[in-house]
């Protein structure tokens, strides 16, 4: 990898700080001329510590045509393709972009596929060694200074899959708890708002009747005073 400084337009280049041997000289540099460059050390993308966090980089989920068949997978040279029946796929698509639910979906869908795939690799470790997706678990263990192929031969597939995914069950349970707590808090807030509404309605109704009663009392008092006034006026007349 290298970085370049390149001219974007033709330029007559002159510098007042030339060595005296080049004093007074200028250069006509055409567009595209390279003024400077620097080489960088090789960059190996497989060493990215977040490589396996992007599940979409090695897995793809597709919809099958039926409504009730079980999950299936196929390890192609580029990706591990997971097939869900149309009903399951519809639910998956509805929630797959929700960050809170992604760990739960990974534990439900990705983990069992990875376990089955590791079991297959135990039978024939060379079959998928050159596949693009194979670099992800291999790189994940290489960062820990471990050999994935050796672990594949000696370790339990379930433990290995959980390890390479960073304990997906723990993440799923935490996400479930967060989602459940958020839902419970929402229900609580709704109940509180309903209670406050009911209280406000009762207070309004009470005040309304009190006001009506007060208005009725004032009307009666005014009528009595008017009657009394009219009676007094007739006597004087």
Foldseek 3Di string as FASTA:
>chain_A
DKDWDFAQAWDWADDCPDDPVQPPDIDTDGGGDTPDMDDDDDDDPLLPLCVVVPVVQAEDEDEDDAADDDKDWDHDLGHIYIYDYPVVVVVCVVCCPPVLQVLVVCVVGVLVVQLVVLVVCLVPVVPRCNRPSVSLLQSLVVVVVDGPVVCSNPDRSNVSSCVSNVNSVVSNVVSVVVVVVVVVVVVVVVVVVVVVVVVVVVVVVVVVVVVVVVVVVVVVVVVVVVVVVVVVVVVVD
